[in-house]
N, C-alpha and C. Protein backbone atom coordinates (compact mmCIF):
# COMPACT_ATOMS: atom_id res chain seq x y z
N MET A 1 0.72 -0.77 0.01
CA MET A 1 -0.03 0.17 0.13
C MET A 1 0.68 0.89 0.06
N ASN A 2 0.62 1.91 -0.47
CA ASN A 2 1.30 3.39 -0.51
C ASN A 2 0.53 4.70 -0.48
N ASP A 3 0.76 5.77 -0.76
CA ASP A 3 0.28 7.39 -0.29
C ASP A 3 -1.06 7.36 -1.16
N ARG A 4 -1.11 6.57 -2.32
CA ARG A 4 -2.36 6.37 -2.88
C ARG A 4 -3.01 5.69 -3.47
N SER A 5 -3.02 4.85 -2.38
CA SER A 5 -3.79 3.60 -2.42
C SER A 5 -5.10 4.23 -1.66
N THR A 6 -6.44 3.50 -2.06
CA THR A 6 -7.59 4.13 -1.54
C THR A 6 -8.39 2.26 -1.22
N PRO A 7 -8.97 3.03 0.15
CA PRO A 7 -9.86 1.77 0.53
C PRO A 7 -10.99 1.36 -0.52
N ARG A 8 -11.51 -0.07 -0.54
CA ARG A 8 -13.04 -0.08 -1.62
C ARG A 8 -13.29 -1.41 -0.32
N PHE A 9 -14.99 -1.41 -1.12
CA PHE A 9 -15.78 -2.32 -0.29
C PHE A 9 -16.69 -2.90 -0.74
N LEU A 10 -16.67 -4.07 -0.90
CA LEU A 10 -18.25 -4.87 -1.48
C LEU A 10 -19.26 -5.17 -0.02
N GLN A 11 -20.04 -4.59 0.53
CA GLN A 11 -20.27 -4.54 1.62
C GLN A 11 -21.76 -4.63 1.97
N GLY A 12 -22.57 -5.22 2.36
CA GLY A 12 -23.51 -5.03 2.76
C GLY A 12 -24.60 -6.42 3.55
N VAL A 13 -25.67 -5.93 3.82
CA VAL A 13 -26.95 -7.08 4.72
C VAL A 13 -27.70 -7.58 2.90
N PHE A 14 -27.80 -8.81 2.67
CA PHE A 14 -28.35 -9.51 1.92
C PHE A 14 -29.24 -10.73 2.08
N SER A 15 -30.27 -10.77 1.57
CA SER A 15 -30.90 -12.17 1.32
C SER A 15 -30.97 -12.87 0.49
N LEU A 16 -31.03 -14.23 0.95
CA LEU A 16 -30.18 -15.12 -0.29
C LEU A 16 -31.69 -16.46 -0.11
N GLU A 17 -31.66 -16.62 -1.27
CA GLU A 17 -32.57 -17.76 -1.47
C GLU A 17 -32.23 -18.88 -2.17
N GLY A 18 -31.66 -20.05 -1.50
CA GLY A 18 -30.89 -21.09 -2.19
C GLY A 18 -31.73 -21.93 -3.32
N LEU A 19 -30.52 -21.86 -4.40
CA LEU A 19 -31.47 -22.67 -5.77
C LEU A 19 -30.62 -24.08 -6.03
N GLY A 20 -30.20 -24.54 -4.75
CA GLY A 20 -29.15 -25.44 -4.59
C GLY A 20 -27.75 -25.20 -4.61
N LEU A 21 -27.07 -26.02 -3.80
CA LEU A 21 -25.18 -25.51 -3.38
C LEU A 21 -24.25 -25.95 -5.04
N GLU A 22 -25.00 -26.18 -6.29
CA GLU A 22 -24.43 -26.38 -7.49
C GLU A 22 -25.07 -25.25 -8.19
N ALA A 23 -25.92 -24.22 -7.92
CA ALA A 23 -26.14 -23.51 -8.19
C ALA A 23 -25.94 -21.84 -7.76
N PRO A 24 -24.58 -21.25 -7.71
CA PRO A 24 -24.68 -19.70 -6.87
C PRO A 24 -24.81 -19.21 -8.10
N GLY A 25 -25.23 -17.92 -8.10
CA GLY A 25 -25.69 -16.74 -8.95
C GLY A 25 -24.92 -15.48 -7.83
N LEU A 26 -24.90 -14.31 -8.42
CA LEU A 26 -24.75 -12.80 -7.98
C LEU A 26 -25.48 -12.42 -7.00
N LEU A 27 -24.98 -12.26 -5.78
CA LEU A 27 -25.91 -11.80 -4.79
C LEU A 27 -26.84 -10.60 -4.53
N HIS A 28 -25.97 -9.41 -4.73
CA HIS A 28 -26.78 -8.34 -5.49
C HIS A 28 -25.79 -7.99 -6.27
N PRO A 29 -26.39 -6.87 -7.27
CA PRO A 29 -26.07 -6.26 -7.96
C PRO A 29 -25.06 -4.73 -7.53
N SER A 30 -25.00 -4.70 -6.10
CA SER A 30 -24.30 -3.47 -5.49
C SER A 30 -22.50 -4.48 -5.32
N LEU A 31 -22.50 -5.74 -5.42
CA LEU A 31 -21.70 -6.51 -5.27
C LEU A 31 -20.50 -6.44 -6.36
N THR A 32 -20.39 -5.91 -7.05
CA THR A 32 -19.82 -5.58 -8.52
C THR A 32 -18.64 -4.56 -7.99
N TYR A 33 -17.78 -4.51 -8.47
CA TYR A 33 -16.63 -3.54 -8.60
C TYR A 33 -15.73 -4.22 -9.77
N VAL A 34 -15.33 -2.72 -10.67
CA VAL A 34 -14.82 -2.54 -11.70
C VAL A 34 -13.34 -2.06 -11.66
N VAL A 35 -12.51 -2.64 -11.67
CA VAL A 35 -10.92 -2.09 -11.76
C VAL A 35 -10.96 -0.85 -12.51
N PRO A 36 -10.74 0.43 -12.00
CA PRO A 36 -10.43 1.50 -13.15
C PRO A 36 -9.25 1.20 -13.89
N PRO A 37 -9.46 1.95 -14.90
CA PRO A 37 -8.20 2.26 -15.77
C PRO A 37 -6.85 2.88 -15.40
N GLY A 38 -5.80 2.54 -15.53
CA GLY A 38 -4.96 2.65 -14.95
C GLY A 38 -4.53 2.12 -13.55
N ALA A 39 -5.56 1.80 -12.97
CA ALA A 39 -5.47 1.09 -11.19
C ALA A 39 -4.79 -0.52 -11.28
N SER A 40 -4.49 -0.75 -10.48
CA SER A 40 -4.63 -2.13 -9.82
C SER A 40 -5.20 -2.28 -8.47
N THR A 41 -5.82 -3.60 -8.52
CA THR A 41 -6.92 -3.68 -7.03
C THR A 41 -6.10 -4.79 -6.19
N GLN A 42 -6.32 -5.46 -4.95
CA GLN A 42 -6.20 -6.94 -4.39
C GLN A 42 -6.88 -6.55 -3.23
N PRO A 43 -7.52 -8.03 -3.31
CA PRO A 43 -8.66 -8.08 -2.29
C PRO A 43 -7.58 -8.21 -0.65
N VAL A 44 -8.42 -7.53 0.24
CA VAL A 44 -7.25 -7.80 1.36
C VAL A 44 -7.91 -8.74 2.55
N TYR A 45 -9.43 -8.78 2.48
CA TYR A 45 -10.44 -9.96 3.42
C TYR A 45 -11.65 -9.90 3.18
N PHE A 46 -11.94 -10.99 3.66
CA PHE A 46 -13.60 -11.76 3.85
C PHE A 46 -14.12 -11.68 4.59
N ARG A 47 -15.33 -11.01 5.73
CA ARG A 47 -15.86 -11.82 6.15
C ARG A 47 -17.34 -11.81 5.73
N GLY A 48 -17.90 -13.09 6.43
CA GLY A 48 -18.98 -13.16 5.72
C GLY A 48 -19.90 -13.44 7.16
N GLY A 49 -20.92 -13.35 7.42
CA GLY A 49 -22.38 -14.21 7.99
C GLY A 49 -23.54 -14.95 7.35
N ASN A 50 -23.75 -15.78 8.20
CA ASN A 50 -24.96 -16.62 7.66
C ASN A 50 -26.05 -16.74 8.75
N SER A 51 -27.17 -16.45 8.46
CA SER A 51 -28.58 -16.40 9.66
C SER A 51 -29.04 -17.92 9.25
N SER A 52 -29.12 -19.00 8.10
CA SER A 52 -29.85 -19.75 8.04
C SER A 52 -29.02 -21.41 9.07
N ASP A 53 -30.04 -22.15 9.08
CA ASP A 53 -29.84 -23.13 9.69
C ASP A 53 -28.69 -24.42 8.84
N GLU A 54 -28.39 -23.73 7.71
CA GLU A 54 -27.72 -24.76 6.61
C GLU A 54 -26.44 -23.80 6.03
N VAL A 55 -25.13 -24.61 5.48
CA VAL A 55 -24.07 -24.38 5.04
C VAL A 55 -24.14 -23.25 4.08
N ILE A 56 -23.90 -22.75 3.81
CA ILE A 56 -24.12 -21.70 2.20
C ILE A 56 -22.22 -21.60 2.11
N TYR A 57 -22.12 -20.68 0.95
CA TYR A 57 -21.20 -20.41 0.63
C TYR A 57 -21.29 -19.54 -0.26
N LEU A 58 -19.99 -18.48 -0.18
CA LEU A 58 -20.16 -17.14 -1.03
C LEU A 58 -18.45 -17.43 -2.05
N THR A 59 -18.64 -17.12 -3.43
CA THR A 59 -17.28 -17.35 -4.08
C THR A 59 -16.91 -15.73 -4.55
N LEU A 60 -15.62 -15.08 -4.40
CA LEU A 60 -15.31 -13.96 -5.24
C LEU A 60 -14.97 -14.55 -6.69
N VAL A 61 -15.83 -13.82 -7.51
CA VAL A 61 -15.90 -14.12 -9.04
C VAL A 61 -14.92 -13.03 -9.72
N ARG A 62 -13.97 -13.46 -10.56
CA ARG A 62 -13.40 -12.54 -11.06
C ARG A 62 -13.26 -12.90 -12.48
N ASP A 63 -13.54 -12.11 -13.53
CA ASP A 63 -14.06 -11.71 -15.08
C ASP A 63 -14.58 -13.29 -15.27
N GLY A 64 -15.98 -13.50 -14.17
CA GLY A 64 -16.70 -14.88 -14.55
C GLY A 64 -16.16 -16.28 -14.08
N VAL A 65 -14.71 -16.03 -13.79
CA VAL A 65 -14.36 -17.15 -13.38
C VAL A 65 -14.13 -17.49 -11.49
N ALA A 66 -15.00 -18.34 -11.01
CA ALA A 66 -14.12 -18.37 -9.32
C ALA A 66 -12.96 -18.18 -9.38
N MET A 67 -12.19 -17.31 -7.88
CA MET A 67 -11.49 -17.20 -7.64
C MET A 67 -11.16 -17.54 -6.46
N ARG A 68 -11.96 -17.36 -5.39
CA ARG A 68 -12.01 -18.18 -3.82
C ARG A 68 -13.56 -18.12 -3.80
N TYR A 69 -13.19 -19.22 -2.67
CA TYR A 69 -14.97 -20.09 -2.00
C TYR A 69 -14.45 -19.31 -0.84
N PHE A 70 -15.91 -19.39 -0.03
CA PHE A 70 -16.07 -19.20 1.08
C PHE A 70 -17.13 -19.87 2.32
N PRO A 71 -16.70 -20.44 2.39
CA PRO A 71 -18.14 -21.59 2.97
C PRO A 71 -18.48 -21.14 4.59
N ILE A 72 -19.90 -20.84 4.86
CA ILE A 72 -19.98 -20.03 5.76
C ILE A 72 -20.96 -21.39 6.53
N ALA A 73 -20.56 -21.93 7.86
CA ALA A 73 -21.56 -22.66 8.90
C ALA A 73 -22.79 -22.00 9.18
N ALA A 74 -23.55 -22.91 9.41
CA ALA A 74 -25.23 -22.54 9.98
C ALA A 74 -24.95 -22.17 11.05
N ARG A 75 -25.97 -20.97 10.95
CA ARG A 75 -25.83 -19.52 11.87
C ARG A 75 -23.92 -18.94 12.09
N GLY A 76 -23.49 -19.09 11.15
CA GLY A 76 -21.79 -18.51 11.51
C GLY A 76 -21.63 -17.53 10.83
N SER A 77 -19.96 -17.46 10.99
CA SER A 77 -19.62 -16.38 10.09
C SER A 77 -17.91 -16.95 10.03
N THR A 78 -17.85 -15.99 9.35
CA THR A 78 -16.17 -16.24 9.02
C THR A 78 -15.05 -14.85 8.56
N HIS A 79 -13.89 -15.03 8.78
CA HIS A 79 -12.92 -13.98 8.69
C HIS A 79 -12.20 -14.56 8.12
N VAL A 80 -11.67 -14.36 6.65
CA VAL A 80 -10.49 -14.59 5.76
C VAL A 80 -9.79 -13.54 5.73
N SER A 81 -8.12 -13.89 6.22
CA SER A 81 -7.04 -12.56 5.39
C SER A 81 -6.72 -12.86 3.95
N LEU A 82 -6.93 -12.48 3.02
CA LEU A 82 -6.99 -12.37 1.93
C LEU A 82 -5.10 -11.81 1.03
N ARG A 83 -4.71 -10.96 2.04
CA ARG A 83 -3.79 -10.03 1.87
C ARG A 83 -2.80 -11.47 1.18
N VAL A 84 -1.77 -10.80 0.11
CA VAL A 84 -0.86 -11.33 -0.45
C VAL A 84 -1.26 -12.35 -1.16
N VAL A 85 -2.43 -11.95 -2.52
CA VAL A 85 -2.61 -12.39 -3.57
C VAL A 85 -2.24 -11.56 -4.78
N GLU A 86 -2.96 -12.38 -5.79
CA GLU A 86 -2.58 -11.50 -6.96
C GLU A 86 -3.01 -10.39 -7.24
N ASP A 87 -2.70 -9.45 -8.28
CA ASP A 87 -3.59 -7.86 -8.31
C ASP A 87 -3.93 -8.25 -9.61
N LEU A 88 -5.76 -7.54 -9.14
CA LEU A 88 -6.87 -7.82 -10.46
C LEU A 88 -6.29 -5.79 -11.06
N LEU A 89 -6.26 -6.66 -12.16
CA LEU A 89 -5.82 -5.13 -13.28
C LEU A 89 -6.71 -4.70 -13.98
N SER A 90 -6.65 -3.44 -14.27
CA SER A 90 -7.87 -2.41 -15.02
C SER A 90 -8.68 -3.44 -15.71
N ASP A 91 -9.64 -2.78 -15.22
CA ASP A 91 -10.71 -3.28 -16.41
C ASP A 91 -11.23 -4.98 -15.37
N SER A 92 -10.55 -5.72 -15.10
CA SER A 92 -11.37 -6.96 -14.15
C SER A 92 -12.50 -6.47 -13.46
N VAL A 93 -13.37 -7.51 -13.53
CA VAL A 93 -14.42 -7.47 -12.71
C VAL A 93 -14.79 -8.50 -12.01
N LEU A 94 -14.68 -7.94 -10.42
CA LEU A 94 -15.29 -8.42 -9.27
C LEU A 94 -16.52 -8.99 -8.70
N GLU A 95 -16.92 -9.62 -8.75
CA GLU A 95 -18.44 -9.92 -8.29
C GLU A 95 -18.39 -11.11 -7.11
N VAL A 96 -19.52 -11.24 -6.25
CA VAL A 96 -19.65 -12.32 -5.11
C VAL A 96 -20.97 -12.92 -5.15
N PHE A 97 -20.89 -13.87 -5.57
CA PHE A 97 -21.87 -14.71 -5.94
C PHE A 97 -22.20 -15.48 -4.58
N ALA A 98 -23.43 -16.19 -4.66
CA ALA A 98 -23.92 -17.27 -3.33
C ALA A 98 -25.01 -18.24 -3.66
N ALA A 99 -24.50 -19.11 -2.54
CA ALA A 99 -25.12 -20.34 -3.21
C ALA A 99 -25.71 -21.26 -1.81
N ALA A 100 -26.66 -21.87 -1.33
CA ALA A 100 -27.28 -22.06 -0.76
C ALA A 100 -28.17 -23.69 -1.10
N PRO A 101 -28.26 -24.69 -0.02
CA PRO A 101 -29.28 -25.46 -0.78
C PRO A 101 -30.59 -24.94 -1.06
N LYS A 102 -30.93 -25.86 -2.28
CA LYS A 102 -32.67 -25.84 -2.77
C LYS A 102 -33.48 -25.18 -1.29
N GLY A 103 -34.04 -24.09 -1.68
CA GLY A 103 -35.37 -23.81 -0.31
C GLY A 103 -35.10 -23.16 0.94
N VAL A 104 -33.56 -23.50 1.05
CA VAL A 104 -32.93 -22.42 2.02
C VAL A 104 -33.00 -21.04 1.79
N THR A 105 -33.43 -20.33 2.70
CA THR A 105 -33.40 -18.32 2.78
C THR A 105 -32.89 -18.29 4.25
N ALA A 106 -32.08 -17.23 3.39
CA ALA A 106 -31.03 -16.73 4.25
C ALA A 106 -30.48 -14.87 4.51
N THR A 107 -30.18 -14.67 5.59
CA THR A 107 -29.80 -13.53 5.80
C THR A 107 -28.09 -13.40 5.10
N VAL A 108 -27.61 -12.89 4.56
CA VAL A 108 -26.29 -13.12 4.01
C VAL A 108 -25.43 -11.87 4.65
N ILE A 109 -24.60 -11.56 5.41
CA ILE A 109 -23.40 -10.64 5.55
C ILE A 109 -22.00 -10.47 5.04
N VAL A 110 -21.84 -9.24 4.43
CA VAL A 110 -20.86 -9.26 3.37
C VAL A 110 -19.93 -8.16 3.70
N ASP A 111 -18.40 -8.38 3.91
CA ASP A 111 -18.01 -7.52 4.26
C ASP A 111 -16.51 -7.71 3.18
N VAL A 112 -16.13 -7.15 2.28
CA VAL A 112 -15.16 -7.82 1.08
C VAL A 112 -14.22 -6.61 1.28
N GLY A 113 -12.75 -6.39 1.87
CA GLY A 113 -11.96 -5.45 1.43
C GLY A 113 -11.24 -5.57 0.61
N LEU A 114 -11.05 -4.55 0.15
CA LEU A 114 -10.22 -4.34 -1.26
C LEU A 114 -9.28 -2.90 -1.01
N VAL A 115 -8.03 -3.04 -1.94
CA VAL A 115 -7.21 -1.62 -1.35
C VAL A 115 -6.72 -1.41 -3.27
N GLU A 116 -7.60 -0.46 -3.91
CA GLU A 116 -7.23 0.16 -5.26
C GLU A 116 -5.90 1.09 -4.95
N VAL A 117 -5.11 0.62 -5.80
CA VAL A 117 -4.03 1.61 -5.95
C VAL A 117 -3.54 2.16 -7.61
């Protein structure tokens, strides 16, 4: 991180209706970030919470390809430090997908920290 770095966040509280653990989808349009031209970005951390009685998972997706998976236990939470990972270059699209067992409803808390340089 240098003096020109800018923190960015993908965060919020969202409703999730499970379509099956093999059917992840974009959790919410606000959980999309595009690296600006001339910049690079690194994910720094992931925090998530799950209100349901079933395991769910969130996926950090880069340009349509799963980058990291974050399983969250029933009525649980997780915090994962992601420092020392690859740079996301200009125009990379980062999204947060989620999946839950079919018919399961959950409230999902998401907080993804990014550093844009």
